[in-house]
Amino acid sequence: VAIARHEGRILAVTRAGYLATSSPFAMHHV
């Protein structure tokens, strides 16, 4: 996974580049 600063915000993203909150897996939401 990755922790990114993008346009002044901190985002949690998956390896593929999607928001972790859009993942079907509970581990990404945590």
PDB file of all heavy atoms in Angstrom:
ATOM      1  N   VAL A   1       0.859  -1.186   0.000  1.00  0.00           N
ATOM      2  CA  VAL A   1       0.000   0.000   0.000  1.00  0.00           C
ATOM      3  C   VAL A   1       0.892   1.231   0.000  1.00  0.00           C
ATOM      4  O   VAL A   1       2.122   1.136   0.046  1.00  0.00           O
ATOM      5  CB  VAL A   1      -0.923   0.022   1.241  1.00  0.00           C
ATOM      6  CG1 VAL A   1      -1.985  -1.059   1.154  1.00  0.00           C
ATOM      7  CG2 VAL A   1      -0.111  -0.135   2.531  1.00  0.00           C
ATOM      8  N   ALA A   2       0.277   2.402  -0.043  1.00  0.00           N
ATOM      9  CA  ALA A   2       1.056   3.636  -0.013  1.00  0.00           C
ATOM     10  C   ALA A   2       0.289   4.738   0.703  1.00  0.00           C
ATOM     11  O   ALA A   2      -0.952   4.768   0.690  1.00  0.00           O
ATOM     12  CB  ALA A   2       1.411   4.088  -1.432  1.00  0.00           C
ATOM     13  N   ILE A   3       1.055   5.635   1.321  1.00  0.00           N
ATOM     14  CA  ILE A   3       0.522   6.836   1.964  1.00  0.00           C
ATOM     15  C   ILE A   3       0.990   8.013   1.113  1.00  0.00           C
ATOM     16  O   ILE A   3       2.191   8.243   0.972  1.00  0.00           O
ATOM     17  CB  ILE A   3       1.061   6.977   3.395  1.00  0.00           C
ATOM     18  CG1 ILE A   3       0.701   5.744   4.218  1.00  0.00           C
ATOM     19  CG2 ILE A   3       0.533   8.247   4.046  1.00  0.00           C
ATOM     20  CD1 ILE A   3       1.512   5.617   5.500  1.00  0.00           C
ATOM     21  N   ALA A   4       0.061   8.737   0.509  1.00  0.00           N
ATOM     22  CA  ALA A   4       0.408   9.768  -0.459  1.00  0.00           C
ATOM     23  C   ALA A   4      -0.112  11.134  -0.034  1.00  0.00           C
ATOM     24  O   ALA A   4      -1.202  11.251   0.538  1.00  0.00           O
ATOM     25  CB  ALA A   4      -0.169   9.412  -1.829  1.00  0.00           C
ATOM     26  N   ARG A   5       0.688  12.155  -0.340  1.00  0.00           N
ATOM     27  CA  ARG A   5       0.192  13.528  -0.210  1.00  0.00           C
ATOM     28  C   ARG A   5      -0.145  14.002  -1.615  1.00  0.00           C
ATOM     29  O   ARG A   5       0.724  14.088  -2.490  1.00  0.00           O
ATOM     30  CB  ARG A   5       1.224  14.443   0.435  1.00  0.00           C
ATOM     31  CG  ARG A   5       0.714  15.881   0.531  1.00  0.00           C
ATOM     32  CD  ARG A   5       1.560  16.753   1.422  1.00  0.00           C
ATOM     33  NE  ARG A   5       1.082  18.132   1.410  1.00  0.00           N
ATOM     34  CZ  ARG A   5       1.444  19.060   2.284  1.00  0.00           C
ATOM     35  NH1 ARG A   5       2.299  18.757   3.260  1.00  0.00           N
ATOM     36  NH2 ARG A   5       0.969  20.280   2.198  1.00  0.00           N
ATOM     37  N   HIS A   6      -1.418  14.319  -1.815  1.00  0.00           N
ATOM     38  CA  HIS A   6      -1.904  14.683  -3.143  1.00  0.00           C
ATOM     39  C   HIS A   6      -2.835  15.886  -3.017  1.00  0.00           C
ATOM     40  O   HIS A   6      -3.854  15.817  -2.316  1.00  0.00           O
ATOM     41  CB  HIS A   6      -2.650  13.495  -3.763  1.00  0.00           C
ATOM     42  CG  HIS A   6      -3.246  13.766  -5.099  1.00  0.00           C
ATOM     43  ND1 HIS A   6      -2.483  14.010  -6.233  1.00  0.00           N
ATOM     44  CD2 HIS A   6      -4.545  13.843  -5.507  1.00  0.00           C
ATOM     45  CE1 HIS A   6      -3.276  14.215  -7.261  1.00  0.00           C
ATOM     46  NE2 HIS A   6      -4.534  14.117  -6.851  1.00  0.00           N
ATOM     47  N   GLU A   7      -2.443  16.978  -3.655  1.00  0.00           N
ATOM     48  CA  GLU A   7      -3.240  18.215  -3.636  1.00  0.00           C
ATOM     49  C   GLU A   7      -3.561  18.639  -2.204  1.00  0.00           C
ATOM     50  O   GLU A   7      -4.686  19.020  -1.885  1.00  0.00           O
ATOM     51  CB  GLU A   7      -4.513  18.036  -4.473  1.00  0.00           C
ATOM     52  CG  GLU A   7      -4.211  17.785  -5.949  1.00  0.00           C
ATOM     53  CD  GLU A   7      -5.470  17.577  -6.781  1.00  0.00           C
ATOM     54  OE1 GLU A   7      -6.562  17.438  -6.185  1.00  0.00           O
ATOM     55  OE2 GLU A   7      -5.354  17.566  -8.032  1.00  0.00           O
ATOM     56  N   GLY A   8      -2.544  18.517  -1.343  1.00  0.00           N
ATOM     57  CA  GLY A   8      -2.674  18.987   0.023  1.00  0.00           C
ATOM     58  C   GLY A   8      -3.395  18.056   0.969  1.00  0.00           C
ATOM     59  O   GLY A   8      -3.621  18.407   2.128  1.00  0.00           O
ATOM     60  N   ARG A   9      -3.738  16.856   0.507  1.00  0.00           N
ATOM     61  CA  ARG A   9      -4.432  15.883   1.353  1.00  0.00           C
ATOM     62  C   ARG A   9      -3.597  14.613   1.471  1.00  0.00           C
ATOM     63  O   ARG A   9      -2.807  14.287   0.585  1.00  0.00           O
ATOM     64  CB  ARG A   9      -5.801  15.528   0.776  1.00  0.00           C
ATOM     65  CG  ARG A   9      -6.786  16.688   0.695  1.00  0.00           C
ATOM     66  CD  ARG A   9      -8.124  16.191   0.200  1.00  0.00           C
ATOM     67  NE  ARG A   9      -8.013  15.602  -1.140  1.00  0.00           N
ATOM     68  CZ  ARG A   9      -8.700  14.545  -1.561  1.00  0.00           C
ATOM     69  NH1 ARG A   9      -9.538  13.933  -0.736  1.00  0.00           N
ATOM     70  NH2 ARG A   9      -8.555  14.094  -2.783  1.00  0.00           N
ATOM     71  N   ILE A  10      -3.793  13.891   2.558  1.00  0.00           N
ATOM     72  CA  ILE A  10      -3.158  12.596   2.741  1.00  0.00           C
ATOM     73  C   ILE A  10      -4.134  11.514   2.330  1.00  0.00           C
ATOM     74  O   ILE A  10      -5.276  11.461   2.802  1.00  0.00           O
ATOM     75  CB  ILE A  10      -2.724  12.388   4.207  1.00  0.00           C
ATOM     76  CG1 ILE A  10      -1.628  13.390   4.568  1.00  0.00           C
ATOM     77  CG2 ILE A  10      -2.234  10.958   4.435  1.00  0.00           C
ATOM     78  CD1 ILE A  10      -0.335  13.256   3.768  1.00  0.00           C
ATOM     79  N   LEU A  11      -3.682  10.640   1.426  1.00  0.00           N
ATOM     80  CA  LEU A  11      -4.518   9.565   0.907  1.00  0.00           C
ATOM     81  C   LEU A  11      -3.894   8.210   1.206  1.00  0.00           C
ATOM     82  O   LEU A  11      -2.674   8.043   1.125  1.00  0.00           O
ATOM     83  CB  LEU A  11      -4.689   9.702  -0.613  1.00  0.00           C
ATOM     84  CG  LEU A  11      -5.225  11.030  -1.152  1.00  0.00           C
ATOM     85  CD1 LEU A  11      -5.267  10.984  -2.672  1.00  0.00           C
ATOM     86  CD2 LEU A  11      -6.613  11.318  -0.579  1.00  0.00           C
ATOM     87  N   ALA A  12      -4.724   7.258   1.535  1.00  0.00           N
ATOM     88  CA  ALA A  12      -4.306   5.867   1.666  1.00  0.00           C
ATOM     89  C   ALA A  12      -4.693   5.151   0.377  1.00  0.00           C
ATOM     90  O   ALA A  12      -5.876   5.120   0.021  1.00  0.00           O
ATOM     91  CB  ALA A  12      -4.991   5.214   2.862  1.00  0.00           C
ATOM     92  N   VAL A  13      -3.706   4.608  -0.333  1.00  0.00           N
ATOM     93  CA  VAL A  13      -3.987   3.975  -1.620  1.00  0.00           C
ATOM     94  C   VAL A  13      -3.439   2.551  -1.642  1.00  0.00           C
ATOM     95  O   VAL A  13      -2.506   2.207  -0.916  1.00  0.00           O
ATOM     96  CB  VAL A  13      -3.405   4.774  -2.806  1.00  0.00           C
ATOM     97  CG1 VAL A  13      -4.011   6.161  -2.877  1.00  0.00           C
ATOM     98  CG2 VAL A  13      -1.896   4.860  -2.728  1.00  0.00           C
ATOM     99  N   THR A  14      -4.037   1.737  -2.475  1.00  0.00           N
ATOM    100  CA  THR A  14      -3.578   0.362  -2.660  1.00  0.00           C
ATOM    101  C   THR A  14      -2.408   0.353  -3.633  1.00  0.00           C
ATOM    102  O   THR A  14      -2.092   1.360  -4.276  1.00  0.00           O
ATOM    103  CB  THR A  14      -4.697  -0.513  -3.216  1.00  0.00           C
ATOM    104  OG1 THR A  14      -5.055  -0.045  -4.542  1.00  0.00           O
ATOM    105  CG2 THR A  14      -5.932  -0.474  -2.321  1.00  0.00           C
ATOM    106  N   ARG A  15      -1.777  -0.795  -3.754  1.00  0.00           N
ATOM    107  CA  ARG A  15      -0.661  -0.919  -4.695  1.00  0.00           C
ATOM    108  C   ARG A  15      -1.089  -0.551  -6.116  1.00  0.00           C
ATOM    109  O   ARG A  15      -0.347   0.088  -6.851  1.00  0.00           O
ATOM    110  CB  ARG A  15      -0.127  -2.354  -4.672  1.00  0.00           C
ATOM    111  CG  ARG A  15       1.017  -2.585  -5.641  1.00  0.00           C
ATOM    112  CD  ARG A  15       1.544  -3.998  -5.530  1.00  0.00           C
ATOM    113  NE  ARG A  15       2.770  -4.140  -6.297  1.00  0.00           N
ATOM    114  CZ  ARG A  15       3.618  -5.134  -6.141  1.00  0.00           C
ATOM    115  NH1 ARG A  15       3.388  -6.074  -5.247  1.00  0.00           N
ATOM    116  NH2 ARG A  15       4.710  -5.209  -6.872  1.00  0.00           N
ATOM    117  N   ALA A  16      -2.303  -0.929  -6.491  1.00  0.00           N
ATOM    118  CA  ALA A  16      -2.788  -0.636  -7.835  1.00  0.00           C
ATOM    119  C   ALA A  16      -3.080   0.843  -8.038  1.00  0.00           C
ATOM    120  O   ALA A  16      -3.242   1.298  -9.173  1.00  0.00           O
ATOM    121  CB  ALA A  16      -4.033  -1.454  -8.137  1.00  0.00           C
ATOM    122  N   GLY A  17      -3.167   1.606  -6.946  1.00  0.00           N
ATOM    123  CA  GLY A  17      -3.380   3.040  -7.064  1.00  0.00           C
ATOM    124  C   GLY A  17      -4.773   3.521  -6.733  1.00  0.00           C
ATOM    125  O   GLY A  17      -5.058   4.713  -6.860  1.00  0.00           O
ATOM    126  N   TYR A  18      -5.657   2.627  -6.296  1.00  0.00           N
ATOM    127  CA  TYR A  18      -7.013   3.033  -5.929  1.00  0.00           C
ATOM    128  C   TYR A  18      -7.073   3.426  -4.458  1.00  0.00           C
ATOM    129  O   TYR A  18      -6.243   2.997  -3.650  1.00  0.00           O
ATOM    130  CB  TYR A  18      -7.996   1.889  -6.198  1.00  0.00           C
ATOM    131  CG  TYR A  18      -8.044   1.456  -7.636  1.00  0.00           C
ATOM    132  CD1 TYR A  18      -7.444   0.271  -8.038  1.00  0.00           C
ATOM    133  CD2 TYR A  18      -8.679   2.238  -8.598  1.00  0.00           C
ATOM    134  CE1 TYR A  18      -7.471  -0.138  -9.371  1.00  0.00           C
ATOM    135  CE2 TYR A  18      -8.719   1.846  -9.924  1.00  0.00           C
ATOM    136  CZ  TYR A  18      -8.114   0.661 -10.312  1.00  0.00           C
ATOM    137  OH  TYR A  18      -8.139   0.276 -11.626  1.00  0.00           O
ATOM    138  N   LEU A  19      -8.040   4.248  -4.110  1.00  0.00           N
ATOM    139  CA  LEU A  19      -8.226   4.583  -2.704  1.00  0.00           C
ATOM    140  C   LEU A  19      -8.478   3.308  -1.906  1.00  0.00           C
ATOM    141  O   LEU A  19      -9.249   2.441  -2.317  1.00  0.00           O
ATOM    142  CB  LEU A  19      -9.405   5.541  -2.541  1.00  0.00           C
ATOM    143  CG  LEU A  19      -9.196   6.985  -3.019  1.00  0.00           C
ATOM    144  CD1 LEU A  19     -10.503   7.763  -2.922  1.00  0.00           C
ATOM    145  CD2 LEU A  19      -8.110   7.677  -2.192  1.00  0.00           C
ATOM    146  N   ALA A  20      -7.838   3.221  -0.744  1.00  0.00           N
ATOM    147  CA  ALA A  20      -8.024   2.035   0.097  1.00  0.00           C
ATOM    148  C   ALA A  20      -9.478   1.861   0.494  1.00  0.00           C
ATOM    149  O   ALA A  20      -9.953   0.734   0.668  1.00  0.00           O
ATOM    150  CB  ALA A  20      -7.132   2.136   1.329  1.00  0.00           C
ATOM    151  N   THR A  21     -10.204   2.961   0.619  1.00  0.00           N
ATOM    152  CA  THR A  21     -11.621   2.879   1.005  1.00  0.00           C
ATOM    153  C   THR A  21     -12.503   2.299  -0.094  1.00  0.00           C
ATOM    154  O   THR A  21     -13.666   1.969   0.165  1.00  0.00           O
ATOM    155  CB  THR A  21     -12.153   4.267   1.393  1.00  0.00           C
ATOM    156  OG1 THR A  21     -11.846   5.197   0.342  1.00  0.00           O
ATOM    157  CG2 THR A  21     -11.540   4.737   2.694  1.00  0.00           C
ATOM    158  N   SER A  22     -11.984   2.161  -1.316  1.00  0.00           N
ATOM    159  CA  SER A  22     -12.769   1.561  -2.401  1.00  0.00           C
ATOM    160  C   SER A  22     -12.503   0.072  -2.535  1.00  0.00           C
ATOM    161  O   SER A  22     -13.105  -0.592  -3.374  1.00  0.00           O
ATOM    162  CB  SER A  22     -12.458   2.264  -3.729  1.00  0.00           C
ATOM    163  OG  SER A  22     -11.150   1.924  -4.185  1.00  0.00           O
ATOM    164  N   SER A  23     -11.610  -0.472  -1.701  1.00  0.00           N
ATOM    165  CA  SER A  23     -11.245  -1.881  -1.790  1.00  0.00           C
ATOM    166  C   SER A  23     -12.356  -2.771  -1.249  1.00  0.00           C
ATOM    167  O   SER A  23     -13.072  -2.407  -0.311  1.00  0.00           O
ATOM    168  CB  SER A  23      -9.965  -2.125  -0.979  1.00  0.00           C
ATOM    169  OG  SER A  23      -9.700  -3.508  -0.849  1.00  0.00           O
ATOM    170  N   PRO A  24     -12.495  -3.975  -1.783  1.00  0.00           N
ATOM    171  CA  PRO A  24     -13.464  -4.931  -1.233  1.00  0.00           C
ATOM    172  C   PRO A  24     -12.952  -5.650   0.015  1.00  0.00           C
ATOM    173  O   PRO A  24     -13.686  -6.430   0.612  1.00  0.00           O
ATOM    174  CB  PRO A  24     -13.662  -5.924  -2.389  1.00  0.00           C
ATOM    175  CG  PRO A  24     -12.361  -5.898  -3.124  1.00  0.00           C
ATOM    176  CD  PRO A  24     -11.879  -4.469  -3.041  1.00  0.00           C
ATOM    177  N   PHE A  25     -11.694  -5.373   0.405  1.00  0.00           N
ATOM    178  CA  PHE A  25     -11.081  -6.103   1.506  1.00  0.00           C
ATOM    179  C   PHE A  25     -11.028  -5.258   2.770  1.00  0.00           C
ATOM    180  O   PHE A  25     -10.602  -4.102   2.749  1.00  0.00           O
ATOM    181  CB  PHE A  25      -9.677  -6.566   1.128  1.00  0.00           C
ATOM    182  CG  PHE A  25      -9.644  -7.450  -0.086  1.00  0.00           C
ATOM    183  CD1 PHE A  25      -9.128  -6.977  -1.284  1.00  0.00           C
ATOM    184  CD2 PHE A  25     -10.171  -8.740  -0.038  1.00  0.00           C
ATOM    185  CE1 PHE A  25      -9.114  -7.779  -2.412  1.00  0.00           C
ATOM    186  CE2 PHE A  25     -10.165  -9.545  -1.160  1.00  0.00           C
ATOM    187  CZ  PHE A  25      -9.635  -9.072  -2.350  1.00  0.00           C
ATOM    188  N   ALA A  26     -11.407  -5.876   3.887  1.00  0.00           N
ATOM    189  CA  ALA A  26     -11.449  -5.170   5.171  1.00  0.00           C
ATOM    190  C   ALA A  26     -10.083  -4.623   5.558  1.00  0.00           C
ATOM    191  O   ALA A  26      -9.982  -3.541   6.146  1.00  0.00           O
ATOM    192  CB  ALA A  26     -11.972  -6.107   6.253  1.00  0.00           C
ATOM    193  N   MET A  27      -9.008  -5.356   5.246  1.00  0.00           N
ATOM    194  CA  MET A  27      -7.673  -4.914   5.654  1.00  0.00           C
ATOM    195  C   MET A  27      -7.338  -3.532   5.098  1.00  0.00           C
ATOM    196  O   MET A  27      -6.658  -2.739   5.754  1.00  0.00           O
ATOM    197  CB  MET A  27      -6.612  -5.924   5.208  1.00  0.00           C
ATOM    198  CG  MET A  27      -6.535  -6.141   3.718  1.00  0.00           C
ATOM    199  SD  MET A  27      -5.297  -7.398   3.275  1.00  0.00           S
ATOM    200  CE  MET A  27      -5.674  -7.633   1.528  1.00  0.00           C
ATOM    201  N   HIS A  28      -7.810  -3.209   3.890  1.00  0.00           N
ATOM    202  CA  HIS A  28      -7.526  -1.910   3.294  1.00  0.00           C
ATOM    203  C   HIS A  28      -8.327  -0.802   3.962  1.00  0.00           C
ATOM    204  O   HIS A  28      -7.851   0.328   4.094  1.00  0.00           O
ATOM    205  CB  HIS A  28      -7.813  -1.940   1.791  1.00  0.00           C
ATOM    206  CG  HIS A  28      -6.831  -2.752   1.021  1.00  0.00           C
ATOM    207  ND1 HIS A  28      -7.202  -3.701   0.096  1.00  0.00           N
ATOM    208  CD2 HIS A  28      -5.466  -2.777   1.042  1.00  0.00           C
ATOM    209  CE1 HIS A  28      -6.133  -4.262  -0.423  1.00  0.00           C
ATOM    210  NE2 HIS A  28      -5.069  -3.720   0.140  1.00  0.00           N
ATOM    211  N   HIS A  29      -9.528  -1.095   4.398  1.00  0.00           N
ATOM    212  CA  HIS A  29     -10.334  -0.092   5.087  1.00  0.00           C
ATOM    213  C   HIS A  29      -9.736   0.231   6.452  1.00  0.00           C
ATOM    214  O   HIS A  29      -9.751   1.396   6.878  1.00  0.00           O
ATOM    215  CB  HIS A  29     -11.778  -0.588   5.215  1.00  0.00           C
ATOM    216  CG  HIS A  29     -12.501  -0.620   3.902  1.00  0.00           C
ATOM    217  ND1 HIS A  29     -13.336   0.402   3.483  1.00  0.00           N
ATOM    218  CD2 HIS A  29     -12.481  -1.539   2.901  1.00  0.00           C
ATOM    219  CE1 HIS A  29     -13.810   0.103   2.281  1.00  0.00           C
ATOM    220  NE2 HIS A  29     -13.304  -1.067   1.908  1.00  0.00           N
ATOM    221  N   VAL A  30      -9.187  -0.766   7.117  1.00  0.00           N
ATOM    222  CA  VAL A  30      -8.510  -0.513   8.391  1.00  0.00           C
ATOM    223  C   VAL A  30      -7.250   0.312   8.140  1.00  0.00           C
ATOM    224  O   VAL A  30      -6.917   1.212   8.919  1.00  0.00           O
ATOM    225  CB  VAL A  30      -8.175  -1.833   9.111  1.00  0.00           C
ATOM    226  CG1 VAL A  30      -7.461  -1.549  10.434  1.00  0.00           C
ATOM    227  CG2 VAL A  30      -9.441  -2.641   9.370  1.00  0.00           C
TER     228      VAL A  30
END
